[in-house]
PDB file of N, CA and C in Angstrom:
ATOM      1  N   UNK A   1      83.256 128.153  97.287  1.00  0.00           N
ATOM      2  CA  UNK A   1      83.517 127.962  98.697  1.00  0.00           C
ATOM      3  C   UNK A   1      82.245 128.108  99.519  1.00  0.00           C
ATOM      4  N   UNK A   2      81.074 128.090  98.878  1.00  0.00           N
ATOM      5  CA  UNK A   2      79.863 128.358  99.643  1.00  0.00           C
ATOM      6  C   UNK A   2      79.477 127.242 100.610  1.00  0.00           C
ATOM      7  N   UNK A   3      80.148 126.094 100.559  1.00  0.00           N
ATOM      8  CA  UNK A   3      79.935 125.076 101.591  1.00  0.00           C
ATOM      9  C   UNK A   3      80.602 125.486 102.901  1.00  0.00           C
ATOM     10  N   UNK A   4      81.629 126.316 102.804  1.00  0.00           N
ATOM     11  CA  UNK A   4      82.403 126.726 103.973  1.00  0.00           C
ATOM     12  C   UNK A   4      82.180 128.198 104.300  1.00  0.00           C
ATOM     13  N   UNK A   5      82.222 129.041 103.285  1.00  0.00           N
ATOM     14  CA  UNK A   5      82.042 130.482 103.442  1.00  0.00           C
ATOM     15  C   UNK A   5      80.752 130.875 102.732  1.00  0.00           C
ATOM     16  N   UNK A   6      79.753 131.250 103.498  1.00  0.00           N
ATOM     17  CA  UNK A   6      78.467 131.612 102.905  1.00  0.00           C
ATOM     18  C   UNK A   6      78.621 132.837 102.012  1.00  0.00           C
ATOM     19  N   UNK A   7      77.807 132.907 100.954  1.00  0.00           N
ATOM     20  CA  UNK A   7      77.821 134.083 100.086  1.00  0.00           C
ATOM     21  C   UNK A   7      77.561 135.324 100.931  1.00  0.00           C
ATOM     22  N   UNK A   8      78.349 136.355 100.720  1.00  0.00           N
ATOM     23  CA  UNK A   8      78.216 137.590 101.480  1.00  0.00           C
ATOM     24  C   UNK A   8      79.041 137.619 102.756  1.00  0.00           C
ATOM     25  N   UNK A   9      79.761 136.538 103.046  1.00  0.00           N
ATOM     26  CA  UNK A   9      80.616 136.504 104.238  1.00  0.00           C
ATOM     27  C   UNK A   9      81.807 137.436 104.058  1.00  0.00           C
ATOM     28  N   UNK A  10      82.325 137.888 105.174  1.00  0.00           N
ATOM     29  CA  UNK A  10      83.565 138.646 105.192  1.00  0.00           C
ATOM     30  C   UNK A  10      84.664 137.713 105.681  1.00  0.00           C
ATOM     31  N   UNK A  11      85.863 137.892 105.134  1.00  0.00           N
ATOM     32  CA  UNK A  11      86.981 137.070 105.576  1.00  0.00           C
ATOM     33  C   UNK A  11      88.126 137.968 106.032  1.00  0.00           C
ATOM     34  N   UNK A  12      88.889 137.456 106.983  1.00  0.00           N
ATOM     35  CA  UNK A  12      90.120 138.100 107.430  1.00  0.00           C
ATOM     36  C   UNK A  12      91.257 137.217 106.936  1.00  0.00           C
ATOM     37  N   UNK A  13      92.239 137.840 106.303  1.00  0.00           N
ATOM     38  CA  UNK A  13      93.303 137.092 105.637  1.00  0.00           C
ATOM     39  C   UNK A  13      94.658 137.492 106.208  1.00  0.00           C
ATOM     40  N   UNK A  14      95.456 136.486 106.574  1.00  0.00           N
ATOM     41  CA  UNK A  14      96.847 136.719 106.973  1.00  0.00           C
ATOM     42  C   UNK A  14      97.666 136.839 105.694  1.00  0.00           C
ATOM     43  N   UNK A  15      98.263 137.997 105.468  1.00  0.00           N
ATOM     44  CA  UNK A  15      98.979 138.299 104.227  1.00  0.00           C
ATOM     45  C   UNK A  15     100.266 137.482 104.143  1.00  0.00           C
ATOM     46  N   UNK A  16     100.289 136.502 103.242  1.00  0.00           N
ATOM     47  CA  UNK A  16     101.468 135.648 103.068  1.00  0.00           C
ATOM     48  C   UNK A  16     102.572 136.344 102.293  1.00  0.00           C
ATOM     49  N   UNK A  17     102.242 137.412 101.594  1.00  0.00           N
ATOM     50  CA  UNK A  17     103.270 138.098 100.812  1.00  0.00           C
ATOM     51  C   UNK A  17     104.302 138.753 101.720  1.00  0.00           C
ATOM     52  N   UNK A  18     103.942 138.979 102.987  1.00  0.00           N
ATOM     53  CA  UNK A  18     104.859 139.612 103.937  1.00  0.00           C
ATOM     54  C   UNK A  18     105.444 138.604 104.923  1.00  0.00           C
ATOM     55  N   UNK A  19     105.215 137.320 104.675  1.00  0.00           N
ATOM     56  CA  UNK A  19     105.638 136.272 105.598  1.00  0.00           C
ATOM     57  C   UNK A  19     106.842 135.525 105.043  1.00  0.00           C
ATOM     58  N   UNK A  20     107.864 135.406 105.839  1.00  0.00           N
ATOM     59  CA  UNK A  20     109.022 134.598 105.458  1.00  0.00           C
ATOM     60  C   UNK A  20     108.745 133.152 105.840  1.00  0.00           C
ATOM     61  N   UNK A  21     109.343 132.229 105.120  1.00  0.00           N
ATOM     62  CA  UNK A  21     109.225 130.797 105.423  1.00  0.00           C
ATOM     63  C   UNK A  21     107.776 130.316 105.476  1.00  0.00           C
ATOM     64  N   UNK A  22     106.959 130.774 104.568  1.00  0.00           N
ATOM     65  CA  UNK A  22     105.561 130.329 104.555  1.00  0.00           C
ATOM     66  C   UNK A  22     105.461 128.911 104.017  1.00  0.00           C
ATOM     67  N   UNK A  23     104.498 128.170 104.550  1.00  0.00           N
ATOM     68  CA  UNK A  23     104.249 126.798 104.109  1.00  0.00           C
ATOM     69  C   UNK A  23     102.795 126.668 103.720  1.00  0.00           C
ATOM     70  N   UNK A  24     102.545 125.898 102.684  1.00  0.00           N
ATOM     71  CA  UNK A  24     101.178 125.563 102.316  1.00  0.00           C
ATOM     72  C   UNK A  24     100.836 124.245 102.983  1.00  0.00           C
ATOM     73  N   UNK A  25      99.792 124.253 103.782  1.00  0.00           N
ATOM     74  CA  UNK A  25      99.366 123.058 104.490  1.00  0.00           C
ATOM     75  C   UNK A  25      98.041 122.572 103.934  1.00  0.00           C
ATOM     76  N   UNK A  26      97.914 121.264 103.805  1.00  0.00           N
ATOM     77  CA  UNK A  26      96.625 120.708 103.397  1.00  0.00           C
ATOM     78  C   UNK A  26      95.556 121.182 104.367  1.00  0.00           C
ATOM     79  N   UNK A  27      94.407 121.504 103.820  1.00  0.00           N
ATOM     80  CA  UNK A  27      93.224 121.955 104.549  1.00  0.00           C
ATOM     81  C   UNK A  27      93.195 123.459 104.794  1.00  0.00           C
ATOM     82  N   UNK A  28      94.283 124.184 104.489  1.00  0.00           N
ATOM     83  CA  UNK A  28      94.244 125.644 104.591  1.00  0.00           C
ATOM     84  C   UNK A  28      93.272 126.195 103.557  1.00  0.00           C
ATOM     85  N   UNK A  29      92.629 127.298 103.884  1.00  0.00           N
ATOM     86  CA  UNK A  29      91.815 128.034 102.918  1.00  0.00           C
ATOM     87  C   UNK A  29      92.615 129.276 102.556  1.00  0.00           C
ATOM     88  N   UNK A  30      92.908 129.415 101.257  1.00  0.00           N
ATOM     89  CA  UNK A  30      93.799 130.470 100.797  1.00  0.00           C
ATOM     90  C   UNK A  30      93.115 131.400  99.811  1.00  0.00           C
ATOM     91  N   UNK A  31      93.570 132.650  99.817  1.00  0.00           N
ATOM     92  CA  UNK A  31      93.238 133.599  98.762  1.00  0.00           C
ATOM     93  C   UNK A  31      94.400 133.535  97.784  1.00  0.00           C
ATOM     94  N   UNK A  32      94.079 133.293  96.517  1.00  0.00           N
ATOM     95  CA  UNK A  32      95.091 133.095  95.483  1.00  0.00           C
ATOM     96  C   UNK A  32      94.811 134.006  94.300  1.00  0.00           C
ATOM     97  N   UNK A  33      95.873 134.338  93.579  1.00  0.00           N
ATOM     98  CA  UNK A  33      95.702 135.012  92.289  1.00  0.00           C
ATOM     99  C   UNK A  33      96.246 134.063  91.236  1.00  0.00           C
ATOM    100  N   UNK A  34      95.356 133.692  90.319  1.00  0.00           N
ATOM    101  CA  UNK A  34      95.717 132.759  89.250  1.00  0.00           C
ATOM    102  C   UNK A  34      95.367 133.425  87.930  1.00  0.00           C
ATOM    103  N   UNK A  35      96.372 133.669  87.118  1.00  0.00           N
ATOM    104  CA  UNK A  35      96.128 134.290  85.823  1.00  0.00           C
ATOM    105  C   UNK A  35      95.445 135.641  85.918  1.00  0.00           C
ATOM    106  N   UNK A  36      95.767 136.422  86.945  1.00  0.00           N
ATOM    107  CA  UNK A  36      95.199 137.756  87.090  1.00  0.00           C
ATOM    108  C   UNK A  36      93.865 137.813  87.802  1.00  0.00           C
ATOM    109  N   UNK A  37      93.279 136.672  88.154  1.00  0.00           N
ATOM    110  CA  UNK A  37      91.996 136.652  88.861  1.00  0.00           C
ATOM    111  C   UNK A  37      92.186 136.124  90.274  1.00  0.00           C
ATOM    112  N   UNK A  38      91.429 136.694  91.196  1.00  0.00           N
ATOM    113  CA  UNK A  38      91.504 136.278  92.592  1.00  0.00           C
ATOM    114  C   UNK A  38      90.454 135.215  92.875  1.00  0.00           C
ATOM    115  N   UNK A  39      90.816 134.265  93.754  1.00  0.00           N
ATOM    116  CA  UNK A  39      89.908 133.185  94.113  1.00  0.00           C
ATOM    117  C   UNK A  39      90.215 132.724  95.534  1.00  0.00           C
ATOM    118  N   UNK A  40      89.252 132.062  96.153  1.00  0.00           N
ATOM    119  CA  UNK A  40      89.429 131.468  97.480  1.00  0.00           C
ATOM    120  C   UNK A  40      89.208 129.971  97.332  1.00  0.00           C
ATOM    121  N   UNK A  41      90.180 129.177  97.760  1.00  0.00           N
ATOM    122  CA  UNK A  41      90.103 127.720  97.611  1.00  0.00           C
ATOM    123  C   UNK A  41      90.704 127.035  98.834  1.00  0.00           C
ATOM    124  N   UNK A  42      90.243 125.797  99.073  1.00  0.00           N
ATOM    125  CA  UNK A  42      90.885 124.943 100.075  1.00  0.00           C
ATOM    126  C   UNK A  42      92.015 124.184  99.390  1.00  0.00           C
ATOM    127  N   UNK A  43      93.149 124.070 100.069  1.00  0.00           N
ATOM    128  CA  UNK A  43      94.348 123.453  99.512  1.00  0.00           C
ATOM    129  C   UNK A  43      94.477 122.015 100.004  1.00  0.00           C
ATOM    130  N   UNK A  44      94.850 121.145  99.080  1.00  0.00           N
ATOM    131  CA  UNK A  44      95.275 119.778  99.413  1.00  0.00           C
ATOM    132  C   UNK A  44      96.618 119.564  98.743  1.00  0.00           C
ATOM    133  N   UNK A  45      97.590 119.139  99.517  1.00  0.00           N
ATOM    134  CA  UNK A  45      98.931 118.905  98.986  1.00  0.00           C
ATOM    135  C   UNK A  45      99.235 117.413  98.990  1.00  0.00           C
ATOM    136  N   UNK A  46      99.833 116.949  97.895  1.00  0.00           N
ATOM    137  CA  UNK A  46     100.380 115.599  97.842  1.00  0.00           C
ATOM    138  C   UNK A  46     101.878 115.752  97.584  1.00  0.00           C
ATOM    139  N   UNK A  47     102.555 114.650  97.385  1.00  0.00           N
ATOM    140  CA  UNK A  47     103.999 114.730  97.154  1.00  0.00           C
ATOM    141  C   UNK A  47     104.349 115.468  95.868  1.00  0.00           C
ATOM    142  N   UNK A  48     103.467 115.409  94.869  1.00  0.00           N
ATOM    143  CA  UNK A  48     103.790 115.999  93.567  1.00  0.00           C
ATOM    144  C   UNK A  48     102.796 117.050  93.092  1.00  0.00           C
ATOM    145  N   UNK A  49     101.655 117.176  93.752  1.00  0.00           N
ATOM    146  CA  UNK A  49     100.582 118.050  93.252  1.00  0.00           C
ATOM    147  C   UNK A  49     100.059 118.986  94.335  1.00  0.00           C
ATOM    148  N   UNK A  50      99.544 120.108  93.867  1.00  0.00           N
ATOM    149  CA  UNK A  50      98.776 121.035  94.683  1.00  0.00           C
ATOM    150  C   UNK A  50      97.363 121.018  94.122  1.00  0.00           C
ATOM    151  N   UNK A  51      96.396 120.672  94.940  1.00  0.00           N
ATOM    152  CA  UNK A  51      94.997 120.607  94.522  1.00  0.00           C
ATOM    153  C   UNK A  51      94.246 121.765  95.170  1.00  0.00           C
ATOM    154  N   UNK A  52      93.479 122.479  94.365  1.00  0.00           N
ATOM    155  CA  UNK A  52      92.674 123.593  94.851  1.00  0.00           C
ATOM    156  C   UNK A  52      91.211 123.199  94.744  1.00  0.00           C
ATOM    157  N   UNK A  53      90.596 122.958  95.894  1.00  0.00           N
ATOM    158  CA  UNK A  53      89.216 122.481  95.949  1.00  0.00           C
ATOM    159  C   UNK A  53      88.256 123.644  96.161  1.00  0.00           C
ATOM    160  N   UNK A  54      87.203 123.748  95.332  1.00  0.00           N
ATOM    161  CA  UNK A  54      86.273 124.860  95.442  1.00  0.00           C
ATOM    162  C   UNK A  54      85.286 124.731  96.602  1.00  0.00           C
ATOM    163  N   UNK A  55      84.992 123.529  97.064  1.00  0.00           N
ATOM    164  CA  UNK A  55      84.012 123.276  98.123  1.00  0.00           C
ATOM    165  C   UNK A  55      82.732 124.083  97.898  1.00  0.00           C
ATOM    166  N   UNK A  56      82.117 123.840  96.767  1.00  0.00           N
ATOM    167  CA  UNK A  56      80.914 124.558  96.365  1.00  0.00           C
ATOM    168  C   UNK A  56      79.758 123.589  96.177  1.00  0.00           C
ATOM    169  N   UNK A  57      78.554 124.076  96.431  1.00  0.00           N
ATOM    170  CA  UNK A  57      77.358 123.284  96.153  1.00  0.00           C
ATOM    171  C   UNK A  57      77.086 123.191  94.653  1.00  0.00           C
ATOM    172  N   UNK A  58      77.688 124.077  93.883  1.00  0.00           N
ATOM    173  CA  UNK A  58      77.497 124.098  92.435  1.00  0.00           C
ATOM    174  C   UNK A  58      78.486 123.155  91.754  1.00  0.00           C
ATOM    175  N   UNK A  59      77.991 122.360  90.828  1.00  0.00           N
ATOM    176  CA  UNK A  59      78.842 121.438  90.073  1.00  0.00           C
ATOM    177  C   UNK A  59      79.701 122.141  89.019  1.00  0.00           C
ATOM    178  N   UNK A  60      79.445 123.423  88.771  1.00  0.00           N
ATOM    179  CA  UNK A  60      80.218 124.123  87.744  1.00  0.00           C
ATOM    180  C   UNK A  60      81.658 124.397  88.186  1.00  0.00           C
ATOM    181  N   UNK A  61      81.932 124.332  89.482  1.00  0.00           N
ATOM    182  CA  UNK A  61      83.283 124.561  89.987  1.00  0.00           C
ATOM    183  C   UNK A  61      83.958 123.226  90.241  1.00  0.00           C
ATOM    184  N   UNK A  62      85.139 123.049  89.689  1.00  0.00           N
ATOM    185  CA  UNK A  62      85.874 121.786  89.776  1.00  0.00           C
ATOM    186  C   UNK A  62      87.211 121.996  90.486  1.00  0.00           C
ATOM    187  N   UNK A  63      87.753 120.914  91.013  1.00  0.00           N
ATOM    188  CA  UNK A  63      89.088 120.939  91.602  1.00  0.00           C
ATOM    189  C   UNK A  63      90.117 121.160  90.498  1.00  0.00           C
ATOM    190  N   UNK A  64      91.043 122.071  90.741  1.00  0.00           N
ATOM    191  CA  UNK A  64      92.162 122.300  89.828  1.00  0.00           C
ATOM    192  C   UNK A  64      93.419 121.753  90.480  1.00  0.00           C
ATOM    193  N   UNK A  65      94.225 121.049  89.699  1.00  0.00           N
ATOM    194  CA  UNK A  65      95.454 120.448  90.213  1.00  0.00           C
ATOM    195  C   UNK A  65      96.655 120.976  89.442  1.00  0.00           C
ATOM    196  N   UNK A  66      97.734 121.215  90.163  1.00  0.00           N
ATOM    197  CA  UNK A  66      98.952 121.772  89.573  1.00  0.00           C
ATOM    198  C   UNK A  66     100.150 120.959  90.046  1.00  0.00           C
ATOM    199  N   UNK A  67     101.121 120.758  89.155  1.00  0.00           N
ATOM    200  CA  UNK A  67     102.382 120.139  89.549  1.00  0.00           C
ATOM    201  C   UNK A  67     103.120 121.097  90.476  1.00  0.00           C
ATOM    202  N   UNK A  68     103.709 120.572  91.529  1.00  0.00           N
ATOM    203  CA  UNK A  68     104.441 121.425  92.466  1.00  0.00           C
ATOM    204  C   UNK A  68     105.629 122.108  91.802  1.00  0.00           C
ATOM    205  N   UNK A  69     106.127 121.533  90.703  1.00  0.00           N
ATOM    206  CA  UNK A  69     107.250 122.130  89.976  1.00  0.00           C
ATOM    207  C   UNK A  69     106.829 123.327  89.126  1.00  0.00           C
ATOM    208  N   UNK A  70     105.531 123.470  88.856  1.00  0.00           N
ATOM    209  CA  UNK A  70     105.042 124.484  87.909  1.00  0.00           C
ATOM    210  C   UNK A  70     103.971 125.358  88.552  1.00  0.00           C
ATOM    211  N   UNK A  71     104.349 126.108  89.557  1.00  0.00           N
ATOM    212  CA  UNK A  71     103.378 126.964  90.244  1.00  0.00           C
ATOM    213  C   UNK A  71     103.583 128.438  89.912  1.00  0.00           C
ATOM    214  N   UNK A  72     104.222 128.711  88.771  1.00  0.00           N
ATOM    215  CA  UNK A  72     104.543 130.088  88.400  1.00  0.00           C
ATOM    216  C   UNK A  72     103.311 130.968  88.240  1.00  0.00           C
ATOM    217  N   UNK A  73     102.201 130.412  87.787  1.00  0.00           N
ATOM    218  CA  UNK A  73     101.013 131.225  87.533  1.00  0.00           C
ATOM    219  C   UNK A  73     100.171 131.458  88.786  1.00  0.00           C
ATOM    220  N   UNK A  74     100.566 130.853  89.915  1.00  0.00           N
ATOM    221  CA  UNK A  74      99.793 130.977  91.148  1.00  0.00           C
ATOM    222  C   UNK A  74     100.538 131.869  92.132  1.00  0.00           C
ATOM    223  N   UNK A  75      99.857 132.912  92.619  1.00  0.00           N
ATOM    224  CA  UNK A  75     100.403 133.755  93.677  1.00  0.00           C
ATOM    225  C   UNK A  75      99.532 133.562  94.911  1.00  0.00           C
ATOM    226  N   UNK A  76     100.147 133.151  96.005  1.00  0.00           N
ATOM    227  CA  UNK A  76      99.413 133.006  97.259  1.00  0.00           C
ATOM    228  C   UNK A  76      99.355 134.375  97.920  1.00  0.00           C
ATOM    229  N   UNK A  77      98.152 134.900  98.060  1.00  0.00           N
ATOM    230  CA  UNK A  77      97.959 136.202  98.693  1.00  0.00           C
ATOM    231  C   UNK A  77      97.965 136.042 100.207  1.00  0.00           C
ATOM    232  N   UNK A  78      97.216 135.060 100.703  1.00  0.00           N
ATOM    233  CA  UNK A  78      97.187 134.860 102.141  1.00  0.00           C
ATOM    234  C   UNK A  78      96.281 133.726 102.554  1.00  0.00           C
ATOM    235  N   UNK A  79      96.291 133.462 103.851  1.00  0.00           N
ATOM    236  CA  UNK A  79      95.500 132.391 104.448  1.00  0.00           C
ATOM    237  C   UNK A  79      94.300 132.992 105.165  1.00  0.00           C
ATOM    238  N   UNK A  80      93.119 132.422 104.911  1.00  0.00           N
ATOM    239  CA  UNK A  80      91.912 132.863 105.606  1.00  0.00           C
ATOM    240  C   UNK A  80      92.016 132.386 107.053  1.00  0.00           C
ATOM    241  N   UNK A  81      91.939 133.334 107.992  1.00  0.00           N
ATOM    242  CA  UNK A  81      92.054 132.983 109.404  1.00  0.00           C
ATOM    243  C   UNK A  81      90.753 133.205 110.164  1.00  0.00           C
ATOM    244  N   UNK A  82      89.790 133.884 109.533  1.00  0.00           N
ATOM    245  CA  UNK A  82      88.528 134.168 110.218  1.00  0.00           C
ATOM    246  C   UNK A  82      87.491 134.518 109.167  1.00  0.00           C
ATOM    247  N   UNK A  83      86.243 134.146 109.424  1.00  0.00           N
ATOM    248  CA  UNK A  83      85.160 134.579 108.538  1.00  0.00           C
ATOM    249  C   UNK A  83      83.940 134.884 109.381  1.00  0.00           C
ATOM    250  N   UNK A  84      83.165 135.859 108.936  1.00  0.00           N
ATOM    251  CA  UNK A  84      81.931 136.197 109.634  1.00  0.00           C
ATOM    252  C   UNK A  84      80.919 136.717 108.637  1.00  0.00           C
ATOM    253  N   UNK A  85      79.672 136.721 109.078  1.00  0.00           N
ATOM    254  CA  UNK A  85      78.577 137.139 108.210  1.00  0.00           C
ATOM    255  C   UNK A  85      77.639 138.031 109.007  1.00  0.00           C
ATOM    256  N   UNK A  86      77.180 139.101 108.375  1.00  0.00           N
ATOM    257  CA  UNK A  86      76.185 139.960 109.015  1.00  0.00           C
ATOM    258  C   UNK A  86      74.802 139.557 108.532  1.00  0.00           C
ATOM    259  N   UNK A  87      73.791 139.879 109.310  1.00  0.00           N
ATOM    260  CA  UNK A  87      72.421 139.494 108.981  1.00  0.00           C
ATOM    261  C   UNK A  87      71.540 140.721 108.803  1.00  0.00           C
ATOM    262  N   UNK A  88      72.027 141.704 108.086  1.00  0.00           N
ATOM    263  CA  UNK A  88      71.242 142.913 107.831  1.00  0.00           C
ATOM    264  C   UNK A  88      70.706 142.925 106.436  1.00  0.00           C
TER     265      UNK A  88
END
């Protein structure tokens, strides 16, 4: 996510685990837990797929796509609503 969130940035996250009727919207930046590891990705939704885009300058990070029917391994922690960086 270093194209959007600079390394060392702080983020403020709206906790989706406490939200009823939550929706995933394309272009949201989410904190997710996938297979026990936490990650921050931009979401793109299509009719059948959820795409998690890394938005990184590094080619080692690739977009991961999941069928909307099979999202059992993904836990949405929350939506990034603010980010800031200190210069110390």
